[in-house]
């Protein structure tokens, strides 16, 4: 269970960015009645700062429909990171090995792909 009740699932990736310390987005799946408001974002950031550390607070929080997972339930952090860095999806992950292959589509779109 996650520490913020409105957040059902989450995925964070740390991406290198030229001339910066990088970009660390947090992707969240919210409860059906929840909305990603500035207040909820602040609550998420506060919880991360308190439970982890200030360096773990994400640069950005984005809502997604579902977190991509393998058939065995493992979250696909590394393939998502590769997709966001420009690796074609077919090289980053095998859709056949995923429980929810469409979950990758949002990351492909963010990367400017297909």
N, C-alpha and C. Protein backbone atom coordinates (compact mmCIF):
# COMPACT_ATOMS: atom_id res chain seq x y z
N UNK A 1 0.84 -1.18 0.00
CA UNK A 1 0.00 0.00 0.00
C UNK A 1 0.88 1.24 0.00
N UNK A 2 0.49 2.24 -0.75
CA UNK A 2 1.26 3.48 -0.82
C UNK A 2 0.81 4.43 0.29
N UNK A 3 1.67 5.36 0.63
CA UNK A 3 1.45 6.23 1.79
C UNK A 3 0.39 7.30 1.58
N UNK A 4 0.03 7.61 0.35
CA UNK A 4 -1.00 8.60 0.07
C UNK A 4 -2.22 7.83 -0.44
N UNK A 5 -3.33 7.87 0.27
CA UNK A 5 -4.48 7.02 -0.06
C UNK A 5 -5.02 7.18 -1.49
N UNK A 6 -4.91 8.36 -2.05
CA UNK A 6 -5.42 8.60 -3.41
C UNK A 6 -4.55 7.92 -4.48
N UNK A 7 -3.32 7.57 -4.13
CA UNK A 7 -2.39 6.96 -5.08
C UNK A 7 -2.46 5.44 -4.95
N UNK A 8 -2.91 4.79 -6.03
CA UNK A 8 -3.04 3.33 -6.03
C UNK A 8 -1.77 2.63 -6.47
N UNK A 9 -1.01 3.27 -7.35
CA UNK A 9 0.21 2.67 -7.89
C UNK A 9 1.10 3.80 -8.38
N UNK A 10 2.38 3.54 -8.51
CA UNK A 10 3.31 4.59 -8.92
C UNK A 10 4.57 4.00 -9.53
N UNK A 11 5.21 4.83 -10.33
CA UNK A 11 6.46 4.48 -10.99
C UNK A 11 7.29 5.75 -11.07
N UNK A 12 8.54 5.68 -10.67
CA UNK A 12 9.44 6.83 -10.78
C UNK A 12 10.66 6.41 -11.58
N UNK A 13 11.15 7.32 -12.41
CA UNK A 13 12.39 7.08 -13.15
C UNK A 13 13.28 8.30 -13.02
N UNK A 14 14.57 8.06 -13.03
CA UNK A 14 15.55 9.14 -12.95
C UNK A 14 16.24 9.22 -14.30
N UNK A 15 16.00 10.31 -15.00
CA UNK A 15 16.53 10.46 -16.35
C UNK A 15 17.64 11.48 -16.40
N UNK A 16 18.72 11.16 -17.09
CA UNK A 16 19.78 12.15 -17.25
C UNK A 16 19.30 13.26 -18.20
N UNK A 17 19.71 14.46 -17.93
CA UNK A 17 19.42 15.60 -18.80
C UNK A 17 20.69 16.42 -18.92
N UNK A 18 20.97 16.85 -20.13
CA UNK A 18 22.17 17.63 -20.38
C UNK A 18 22.16 18.91 -19.56
N UNK A 19 23.29 19.26 -18.98
CA UNK A 19 23.50 20.50 -18.22
C UNK A 19 22.61 20.63 -16.99
N UNK A 20 22.11 19.51 -16.47
CA UNK A 20 21.30 19.56 -15.24
C UNK A 20 21.64 18.33 -14.39
N UNK A 21 21.01 18.28 -13.24
CA UNK A 21 21.17 17.10 -12.38
C UNK A 21 20.29 15.95 -12.85
N UNK A 22 19.48 16.20 -13.87
CA UNK A 22 18.59 15.17 -14.38
C UNK A 22 17.14 15.56 -14.18
N UNK A 23 16.27 14.66 -14.54
CA UNK A 23 14.82 14.87 -14.42
C UNK A 23 14.23 13.61 -13.83
N UNK A 24 13.49 13.75 -12.75
CA UNK A 24 12.92 12.60 -12.08
C UNK A 24 11.39 12.76 -12.01
N UNK A 25 10.69 12.21 -13.02
CA UNK A 25 9.24 12.26 -12.97
C UNK A 25 8.66 11.10 -12.16
N UNK A 26 7.56 11.35 -11.51
CA UNK A 26 6.80 10.34 -10.79
C UNK A 26 5.48 10.17 -11.54
N UNK A 27 5.18 8.95 -11.92
CA UNK A 27 3.94 8.64 -12.62
C UNK A 27 3.02 7.93 -11.63
N UNK A 28 1.81 8.45 -11.48
CA UNK A 28 0.90 7.90 -10.48
C UNK A 28 -0.41 7.43 -11.11
N UNK A 29 -0.93 6.36 -10.55
CA UNK A 29 -2.27 5.86 -10.87
C UNK A 29 -3.12 6.24 -9.67
N UNK A 30 -4.16 7.02 -9.93
CA UNK A 30 -4.98 7.52 -8.83
C UNK A 30 -6.25 6.69 -8.66
N UNK A 31 -6.81 6.76 -7.46
CA UNK A 31 -8.09 6.14 -7.17
C UNK A 31 -9.14 6.76 -8.10
N UNK A 32 -10.19 6.01 -8.42
CA UNK A 32 -11.21 6.50 -9.36
C UNK A 32 -11.80 7.86 -9.01
N UNK A 33 -11.93 8.17 -7.75
CA UNK A 33 -12.53 9.45 -7.36
C UNK A 33 -11.50 10.55 -7.11
N UNK A 34 -10.24 10.29 -7.35
CA UNK A 34 -9.17 11.27 -7.08
C UNK A 34 -8.80 12.05 -8.34
N UNK A 35 -8.34 13.27 -8.12
CA UNK A 35 -7.87 14.14 -9.19
C UNK A 35 -6.49 14.66 -8.80
N UNK A 36 -5.60 14.75 -9.76
CA UNK A 36 -4.25 15.24 -9.49
C UNK A 36 -4.28 16.77 -9.42
N UNK A 37 -4.62 17.26 -8.27
CA UNK A 37 -4.69 18.70 -8.01
C UNK A 37 -3.36 19.18 -7.45
N UNK A 38 -3.14 20.49 -7.44
CA UNK A 38 -1.93 21.00 -6.79
C UNK A 38 -1.83 20.58 -5.31
N UNK A 39 -2.98 20.47 -4.64
CA UNK A 39 -2.98 20.05 -3.24
C UNK A 39 -2.53 18.59 -3.09
N UNK A 40 -3.02 17.73 -3.98
CA UNK A 40 -2.60 16.33 -3.93
C UNK A 40 -1.12 16.20 -4.28
N UNK A 41 -0.67 16.95 -5.28
CA UNK A 41 0.77 16.94 -5.61
C UNK A 41 1.60 17.35 -4.40
N UNK A 42 1.16 18.39 -3.70
CA UNK A 42 1.89 18.86 -2.51
C UNK A 42 1.91 17.78 -1.43
N UNK A 43 0.80 17.08 -1.26
CA UNK A 43 0.74 16.00 -0.26
C UNK A 43 1.68 14.86 -0.63
N UNK A 44 1.74 14.52 -1.91
CA UNK A 44 2.64 13.46 -2.38
C UNK A 44 4.09 13.87 -2.14
N UNK A 45 4.43 15.09 -2.53
CA UNK A 45 5.80 15.58 -2.34
C UNK A 45 6.19 15.61 -0.85
N UNK A 46 5.26 16.07 -0.02
CA UNK A 46 5.53 16.14 1.42
C UNK A 46 5.77 14.74 1.98
N UNK A 47 4.97 13.80 1.56
CA UNK A 47 5.10 12.43 2.07
C UNK A 47 6.44 11.82 1.65
N UNK A 48 6.84 12.06 0.40
CA UNK A 48 8.13 11.55 -0.08
C UNK A 48 9.28 12.21 0.68
N UNK A 49 9.19 13.53 0.87
CA UNK A 49 10.24 14.25 1.59
C UNK A 49 10.37 13.72 3.02
N UNK A 50 9.23 13.44 3.66
CA UNK A 50 9.22 12.96 5.04
C UNK A 50 9.67 11.51 5.15
N UNK A 51 9.12 10.64 4.28
CA UNK A 51 9.39 9.20 4.38
C UNK A 51 10.73 8.80 3.75
N UNK A 52 11.18 9.55 2.78
CA UNK A 52 12.44 9.20 2.08
C UNK A 52 13.47 10.28 2.38
N UNK A 53 13.52 11.28 1.49
CA UNK A 53 14.43 12.40 1.69
C UNK A 53 14.11 13.47 0.66
N UNK A 54 14.58 14.69 0.87
CA UNK A 54 14.33 15.74 -0.12
C UNK A 54 14.86 15.41 -1.52
N UNK A 55 15.93 14.63 -1.59
CA UNK A 55 16.48 14.31 -2.92
C UNK A 55 15.61 13.33 -3.69
N UNK A 56 14.66 12.67 -3.02
CA UNK A 56 13.75 11.74 -3.68
C UNK A 56 12.47 12.41 -4.18
N UNK A 57 12.29 13.67 -3.86
CA UNK A 57 11.08 14.39 -4.30
C UNK A 57 11.16 14.56 -5.83
N UNK A 58 10.11 14.14 -6.54
CA UNK A 58 10.16 14.19 -8.00
C UNK A 58 10.12 15.62 -8.55
N UNK A 59 10.66 15.77 -9.75
CA UNK A 59 10.62 17.06 -10.44
C UNK A 59 9.23 17.34 -10.98
N UNK A 60 8.53 16.28 -11.30
CA UNK A 60 7.20 16.42 -11.91
C UNK A 60 6.37 15.20 -11.52
N UNK A 61 5.08 15.40 -11.39
CA UNK A 61 4.16 14.29 -11.11
C UNK A 61 3.14 14.26 -12.23
N UNK A 62 3.00 13.09 -12.85
CA UNK A 62 2.04 12.93 -13.95
C UNK A 62 1.13 11.75 -13.66
N UNK A 63 -0.13 11.92 -13.99
CA UNK A 63 -1.09 10.84 -13.82
C UNK A 63 -1.07 9.94 -15.05
N UNK A 64 -1.10 8.62 -14.81
CA UNK A 64 -1.21 7.64 -15.89
C UNK A 64 -2.34 6.69 -15.55
N UNK A 65 -2.78 5.92 -16.53
CA UNK A 65 -3.88 4.97 -16.34
C UNK A 65 -3.41 3.73 -15.57
N UNK A 66 -2.23 3.22 -15.96
CA UNK A 66 -1.70 2.04 -15.28
C UNK A 66 -0.19 1.98 -15.42
N UNK A 67 0.44 1.35 -14.45
CA UNK A 67 1.89 1.15 -14.45
C UNK A 67 2.17 -0.11 -15.26
N UNK A 68 3.10 -0.04 -16.22
CA UNK A 68 3.42 -1.25 -16.99
C UNK A 68 4.10 -2.30 -16.13
N UNK A 69 3.63 -3.54 -16.28
CA UNK A 69 4.15 -4.65 -15.48
C UNK A 69 4.35 -5.88 -16.35
N UNK A 70 5.29 -6.71 -15.92
CA UNK A 70 5.50 -7.99 -16.59
C UNK A 70 4.36 -8.93 -16.21
N UNK A 71 4.32 -10.08 -16.85
CA UNK A 71 3.30 -11.08 -16.54
C UNK A 71 3.37 -11.52 -15.08
N UNK A 72 4.57 -11.45 -14.49
CA UNK A 72 4.73 -11.84 -13.08
C UNK A 72 4.50 -10.67 -12.12
N UNK A 73 4.18 -9.48 -12.65
CA UNK A 73 3.85 -8.35 -11.80
C UNK A 73 4.96 -7.37 -11.53
N UNK A 74 6.15 -7.58 -12.09
CA UNK A 74 7.28 -6.67 -11.87
C UNK A 74 7.07 -5.37 -12.64
N UNK A 75 7.35 -4.25 -11.99
CA UNK A 75 7.24 -2.93 -12.61
C UNK A 75 8.40 -2.74 -13.60
N UNK A 76 8.14 -2.12 -14.73
CA UNK A 76 9.14 -1.94 -15.78
C UNK A 76 9.85 -0.59 -15.71
N UNK A 77 10.60 -0.33 -14.65
CA UNK A 77 11.30 0.95 -14.53
C UNK A 77 12.34 1.15 -15.64
N UNK A 78 13.19 0.17 -15.84
CA UNK A 78 14.29 0.32 -16.81
C UNK A 78 13.76 0.46 -18.24
N UNK A 79 12.84 -0.38 -18.70
CA UNK A 79 12.30 -0.17 -20.04
C UNK A 79 11.62 1.19 -20.21
N UNK A 80 10.89 1.65 -19.20
CA UNK A 80 10.25 2.97 -19.28
C UNK A 80 11.32 4.05 -19.39
N UNK A 81 12.38 3.95 -18.60
CA UNK A 81 13.47 4.92 -18.67
C UNK A 81 14.08 4.93 -20.07
N UNK A 82 14.31 3.74 -20.63
CA UNK A 82 14.90 3.66 -21.98
C UNK A 82 13.98 4.28 -23.03
N UNK A 83 12.68 4.01 -22.91
CA UNK A 83 11.71 4.59 -23.86
C UNK A 83 11.74 6.11 -23.76
N UNK A 84 11.73 6.65 -22.55
CA UNK A 84 11.74 8.10 -22.36
C UNK A 84 13.05 8.73 -22.84
N UNK A 85 14.10 7.93 -22.91
CA UNK A 85 15.39 8.42 -23.41
C UNK A 85 15.52 8.26 -24.92
N UNK A 86 14.46 7.72 -25.57
CA UNK A 86 14.47 7.64 -27.02
C UNK A 86 14.66 6.27 -27.63
N UNK A 87 14.83 5.25 -26.81
CA UNK A 87 14.96 3.90 -27.36
C UNK A 87 13.61 3.46 -27.91
N UNK A 88 13.57 2.92 -29.13
CA UNK A 88 12.29 2.43 -29.66
C UNK A 88 11.70 1.37 -28.73
N UNK A 89 10.38 1.41 -28.59
CA UNK A 89 9.69 0.52 -27.64
C UNK A 89 10.01 -0.95 -27.90
N UNK A 90 10.12 -1.35 -29.16
CA UNK A 90 10.38 -2.76 -29.46
C UNK A 90 11.79 -3.19 -29.02
N UNK A 91 12.70 -2.23 -28.82
CA UNK A 91 14.03 -2.55 -28.29
C UNK A 91 14.07 -2.45 -26.76
N UNK A 92 13.16 -1.68 -26.19
CA UNK A 92 13.17 -1.47 -24.74
C UNK A 92 12.43 -2.56 -23.98
N UNK A 93 11.37 -3.11 -24.59
CA UNK A 93 10.57 -4.11 -23.88
C UNK A 93 9.84 -5.00 -24.88
N UNK A 94 9.62 -6.21 -24.49
CA UNK A 94 8.84 -7.14 -25.30
C UNK A 94 7.39 -7.06 -24.84
N UNK A 95 6.55 -6.50 -25.69
CA UNK A 95 5.13 -6.34 -25.31
C UNK A 95 4.49 -7.69 -24.98
N UNK A 96 4.96 -8.76 -25.59
CA UNK A 96 4.39 -10.09 -25.32
C UNK A 96 4.63 -10.55 -23.89
N UNK A 97 5.65 -9.98 -23.24
CA UNK A 97 5.97 -10.39 -21.87
C UNK A 97 5.28 -9.52 -20.83
N UNK A 98 4.40 -8.62 -21.28
CA UNK A 98 3.74 -7.69 -20.37
C UNK A 98 2.31 -8.11 -20.05
N UNK A 99 1.92 -7.86 -18.83
CA UNK A 99 0.54 -8.11 -18.42
C UNK A 99 -0.38 -7.06 -19.04
N UNK A 100 0.14 -5.86 -19.28
CA UNK A 100 -0.64 -4.74 -19.80
C UNK A 100 0.17 -3.96 -20.85
N UNK A 101 0.37 -4.52 -22.04
CA UNK A 101 1.24 -3.90 -23.04
C UNK A 101 0.86 -2.47 -23.41
N UNK A 102 -0.41 -2.13 -23.37
CA UNK A 102 -0.84 -0.77 -23.73
C UNK A 102 -0.34 0.28 -22.73
N UNK A 103 0.05 -0.15 -21.55
CA UNK A 103 0.54 0.78 -20.53
C UNK A 103 1.82 1.49 -20.98
N UNK A 104 2.53 0.91 -21.95
CA UNK A 104 3.75 1.55 -22.46
C UNK A 104 3.44 2.72 -23.40
N UNK A 105 2.25 2.73 -23.97
CA UNK A 105 1.92 3.73 -25.00
C UNK A 105 2.07 5.16 -24.52
N UNK A 106 1.71 5.46 -23.30
CA UNK A 106 1.82 6.83 -22.78
C UNK A 106 3.28 7.27 -22.75
N UNK A 107 4.18 6.35 -22.45
CA UNK A 107 5.61 6.70 -22.38
C UNK A 107 6.19 6.87 -23.79
N UNK A 108 5.72 6.07 -24.73
CA UNK A 108 6.13 6.22 -26.13
C UNK A 108 5.69 7.61 -26.63
N UNK A 109 4.46 7.99 -26.31
CA UNK A 109 3.95 9.31 -26.70
C UNK A 109 4.79 10.42 -26.09
N UNK A 110 5.12 10.31 -24.81
CA UNK A 110 5.92 11.34 -24.13
C UNK A 110 7.28 11.48 -24.80
N UNK A 111 7.82 10.36 -25.28
CA UNK A 111 9.14 10.38 -25.90
C UNK A 111 9.08 10.88 -27.34
N UNK A 112 7.86 11.09 -27.84
CA UNK A 112 7.72 11.56 -29.20
C UNK A 112 7.75 10.45 -30.24
N UNK A 113 7.50 9.22 -29.80
CA UNK A 113 7.52 8.07 -30.71
C UNK A 113 6.17 7.79 -31.29
N UNK A 114 6.07 6.60 -31.89
CA UNK A 114 4.90 6.08 -32.58
C UNK A 114 3.66 6.83 -32.25
